[in-house]
């Protein structure tokens, strides 16, 4: 058994800040095949590129614990992200106002 199959539980990116637990049933050098244990089985196992794997774990419990810990790490940055978003909106408003003022000034000069 290879080292990778010895760690059959993977975290796959679901969306920013969240990963889904995935069980790897088989793999090649380029792809993995398996299922999501927390989802209802709706068809045959799914295939992904090995690049889709964020991290691998030896047990389901380890994968779930890592996911929860990572969510906590993600949340530590929420306030800074909100602050940056406010600054971005303010900068975009200033840019929009400058653009409109430039157009209006050009119209007034013509």
C-alpha atoms as a PDB file:
ATOM      1  CA  UNK A   1       0.000   0.000   0.000  1.00  0.00           C
ATOM      2  CA  UNK A   2       1.414   3.407  -0.938  1.00  0.00           C
ATOM      3  CA  UNK A   3       1.819   6.256   1.504  1.00  0.00           C
ATOM      4  CA  UNK A   4      -1.006   8.130  -0.245  1.00  0.00           C
ATOM      5  CA  UNK A   5      -3.553   5.332   0.196  1.00  0.00           C
ATOM      6  CA  UNK A   6      -2.489   5.055   3.823  1.00  0.00           C
ATOM      7  CA  UNK A   7      -3.883   8.576   4.091  1.00  0.00           C
ATOM      8  CA  UNK A   8      -7.201   8.069   2.292  1.00  0.00           C
ATOM      9  CA  UNK A   9      -9.049  11.008   3.823  1.00  0.00           C
ATOM     10  CA  UNK A  10      -8.625  14.278   1.989  1.00  0.00           C
ATOM     11  CA  UNK A  11      -9.869  17.820   2.236  1.00  0.00           C
ATOM     12  CA  UNK A  12     -11.090  19.236  -1.047  1.00  0.00           C
ATOM     13  CA  UNK A  13     -11.713  22.939  -1.609  1.00  0.00           C
ATOM     14  CA  UNK A  14     -15.444  23.651  -1.573  1.00  0.00           C
ATOM     15  CA  UNK A  15     -15.312  27.446  -1.531  1.00  0.00           C
ATOM     16  CA  UNK A  16     -13.108  30.065   0.082  1.00  0.00           C
ATOM     17  CA  UNK A  17     -12.631  29.149   3.718  1.00  0.00           C
ATOM     18  CA  UNK A  18     -14.341  25.784   3.558  1.00  0.00           C
ATOM     19  CA  UNK A  19     -13.208  22.317   2.549  1.00  0.00           C
ATOM     20  CA  UNK A  20     -15.205  19.110   2.205  1.00  0.00           C
ATOM     21  CA  UNK A  21     -14.012  15.786   3.580  1.00  0.00           C
ATOM     22  CA  UNK A  22     -13.434  13.274   0.768  1.00  0.00           C
ATOM     23  CA  UNK A  23     -12.547   9.586   0.911  1.00  0.00           C
ATOM     24  CA  UNK A  24     -10.040   8.440  -1.711  1.00  0.00           C
ATOM     25  CA  UNK A  25     -10.923   4.963  -2.943  1.00  0.00           C
ATOM     26  CA  UNK A  26      -8.328   4.786  -5.699  1.00  0.00           C
ATOM     27  CA  UNK A  27      -5.779   6.951  -7.405  1.00  0.00           C
ATOM     28  CA  UNK A  28      -3.342   7.274 -10.233  1.00  0.00           C
ATOM     29  CA  UNK A  29      -0.480   9.714 -10.585  1.00  0.00           C
ATOM     30  CA  UNK A  30      -2.916  12.291 -12.016  1.00  0.00           C
ATOM     31  CA  UNK A  31      -6.331  11.605 -10.503  1.00  0.00           C
ATOM     32  CA  UNK A  32      -8.228  10.410  -7.485  1.00  0.00           C
ATOM     33  CA  UNK A  33     -11.580   8.638  -7.268  1.00  0.00           C
ATOM     34  CA  UNK A  34     -13.771   8.512  -4.220  1.00  0.00           C
ATOM     35  CA  UNK A  35     -16.791   9.912  -2.428  1.00  0.00           C
ATOM     36  CA  UNK A  36     -17.911  12.551   0.070  1.00  0.00           C
ATOM     37  CA  UNK A  37     -19.024  10.762   3.265  1.00  0.00           C
ATOM     38  CA  UNK A  38     -21.136  13.718   4.408  1.00  0.00           C
ATOM     39  CA  UNK A  39     -23.199  13.829   1.216  1.00  0.00           C
ATOM     40  CA  UNK A  40     -25.877  11.484  -0.007  1.00  0.00           C
ATOM     41  CA  UNK A  41     -24.544   9.137  -2.661  1.00  0.00           C
ATOM     42  CA  UNK A  42     -26.173  10.280  -5.873  1.00  0.00           C
ATOM     43  CA  UNK A  43     -24.259   8.324  -8.439  1.00  0.00           C
ATOM     44  CA  UNK A  44     -20.961   6.706  -9.198  1.00  0.00           C
ATOM     45  CA  UNK A  45     -17.786   7.763  -7.390  1.00  0.00           C
ATOM     46  CA  UNK A  46     -16.355  11.080  -8.509  1.00  0.00           C
ATOM     47  CA  UNK A  47     -12.981  11.741 -10.123  1.00  0.00           C
ATOM     48  CA  UNK A  48     -10.732  14.737  -9.605  1.00  0.00           C
ATOM     49  CA  UNK A  49      -7.262  15.826 -10.521  1.00  0.00           C
ATOM     50  CA  UNK A  50      -4.811  15.233  -7.692  1.00  0.00           C
ATOM     51  CA  UNK A  51      -4.357  19.028  -7.680  1.00  0.00           C
ATOM     52  CA  UNK A  52      -7.827  19.333  -6.114  1.00  0.00           C
ATOM     53  CA  UNK A  53      -6.587  17.811  -2.857  1.00  0.00           C
ATOM     54  CA  UNK A  54      -5.756  20.421  -0.233  1.00  0.00           C
ATOM     55  CA  UNK A  55      -4.407  17.975   2.375  1.00  0.00           C
ATOM     56  CA  UNK A  56      -4.595  14.265   3.309  1.00  0.00           C
ATOM     57  CA  UNK A  57      -5.190  12.505   6.627  1.00  0.00           C
ATOM     58  CA  UNK A  58      -5.113   8.940   7.937  1.00  0.00           C
ATOM     59  CA  UNK A  59      -8.610   9.033   9.485  1.00  0.00           C
ATOM     60  CA  UNK A  60     -11.993  10.669   8.983  1.00  0.00           C
ATOM     61  CA  UNK A  61     -11.739  12.187  12.461  1.00  0.00           C
ATOM     62  CA  UNK A  62      -8.369  13.763  11.665  1.00  0.00           C
ATOM     63  CA  UNK A  63      -9.706  15.279   8.451  1.00  0.00           C
ATOM     64  CA  UNK A  64     -12.761  16.712  10.202  1.00  0.00           C
ATOM     65  CA  UNK A  65     -10.661  18.103  13.068  1.00  0.00           C
ATOM     66  CA  UNK A  66      -8.246  19.734  10.612  1.00  0.00           C
ATOM     67  CA  UNK A  67     -11.164  21.273   8.701  1.00  0.00           C
ATOM     68  CA  UNK A  68     -12.644  22.740  11.882  1.00  0.00           C
ATOM     69  CA  UNK A  69      -9.266  24.085  12.979  1.00  0.00           C
ATOM     70  CA  UNK A  70      -8.760  25.677   9.579  1.00  0.00           C
ATOM     71  CA  UNK A  71     -12.161  27.371   9.789  1.00  0.00           C
ATOM     72  CA  UNK A  72     -11.072  28.888  13.117  1.00  0.00           C
ATOM     73  CA  UNK A  73      -7.877  30.150  11.484  1.00  0.00           C
ATOM     74  CA  UNK A  74      -9.907  31.607   8.598  1.00  0.00           C
ATOM     75  CA  UNK A  75     -12.263  33.399  11.018  1.00  0.00           C
ATOM     76  CA  UNK A  76      -9.350  35.067  12.825  1.00  0.00           C
ATOM     77  CA  UNK A  77      -8.949  37.260   9.739  1.00  0.00           C
ATOM     78  CA  UNK A  78     -12.604  38.224   9.284  1.00  0.00           C
ATOM     79  CA  UNK A  79     -12.301  41.665  10.906  1.00  0.00           C
ATOM     80  CA  UNK A  80      -9.237  42.592   8.829  1.00  0.00           C
ATOM     81  CA  UNK A  81     -11.007  41.468   5.649  1.00  0.00           C
ATOM     82  CA  UNK A  82     -14.102  43.533   6.509  1.00  0.00           C
ATOM     83  CA  UNK A  83     -11.902  46.562   7.174  1.00  0.00           C
ATOM     84  CA  UNK A  84     -10.096  46.092   3.865  1.00  0.00           C
ATOM     85  CA  UNK A  85     -13.429  45.771   2.048  1.00  0.00           C
ATOM     86  CA  UNK A  86     -14.587  49.100   3.529  1.00  0.00           C
ATOM     87  CA  UNK A  87     -11.327  50.725   2.440  1.00  0.00           C
ATOM     88  CA  UNK A  88     -11.716  49.245  -1.036  1.00  0.00           C
ATOM     89  CA  UNK A  89     -15.294  50.555  -1.359  1.00  0.00           C
ATOM     90  CA  UNK A  90     -14.118  54.006  -0.229  1.00  0.00           C
ATOM     91  CA  UNK A  91     -11.281  53.968  -2.775  1.00  0.00           C
ATOM     92  CA  UNK A  92     -13.651  52.842  -5.541  1.00  0.00           C
ATOM     93  CA  UNK A  93     -16.050  55.674  -4.640  1.00  0.00           C
ATOM     94  CA  UNK A  94     -13.185  58.192  -4.795  1.00  0.00           C
ATOM     95  CA  UNK A  95     -12.158  56.811  -8.195  1.00  0.00           C
ATOM     96  CA  UNK A  96     -15.735  57.010  -9.503  1.00  0.00           C
ATOM     97  CA  UNK A  97     -16.124  60.577  -8.224  1.00  0.00           C
ATOM     98  CA  UNK A  98     -12.812  61.620  -9.803  1.00  0.00           C
ATOM     99  CA  UNK A  99     -13.836  60.099 -13.123  1.00  0.00           C
ATOM    100  CA  UNK A 100     -17.215  61.838 -13.109  1.00  0.00           C
ATOM    101  CA  UNK A 101     -15.663  65.158 -12.079  1.00  0.00           C
ATOM    102  CA  UNK A 102     -13.129  64.845 -14.893  1.00  0.00           C
ATOM    103  CA  UNK A 103     -15.905  64.297 -17.436  1.00  0.00           C
ATOM    104  CA  UNK A 104     -17.945  67.185 -16.081  1.00  0.00           C
ATOM    105  CA  UNK A 105     -14.939  69.529 -16.017  1.00  0.00           C
ATOM    106  CA  UNK A 106     -14.135  68.619 -19.630  1.00  0.00           C
ATOM    107  CA  UNK A 107     -17.748  69.311 -20.602  1.00  0.00           C
ATOM    108  CA  UNK A 108     -17.673  72.682 -18.839  1.00  0.00           C
ATOM    109  CA  UNK A 109     -14.467  73.650 -20.665  1.00  0.00           C
ATOM    110  CA  UNK A 110     -15.809  72.796 -24.100  1.00  0.00           C
END
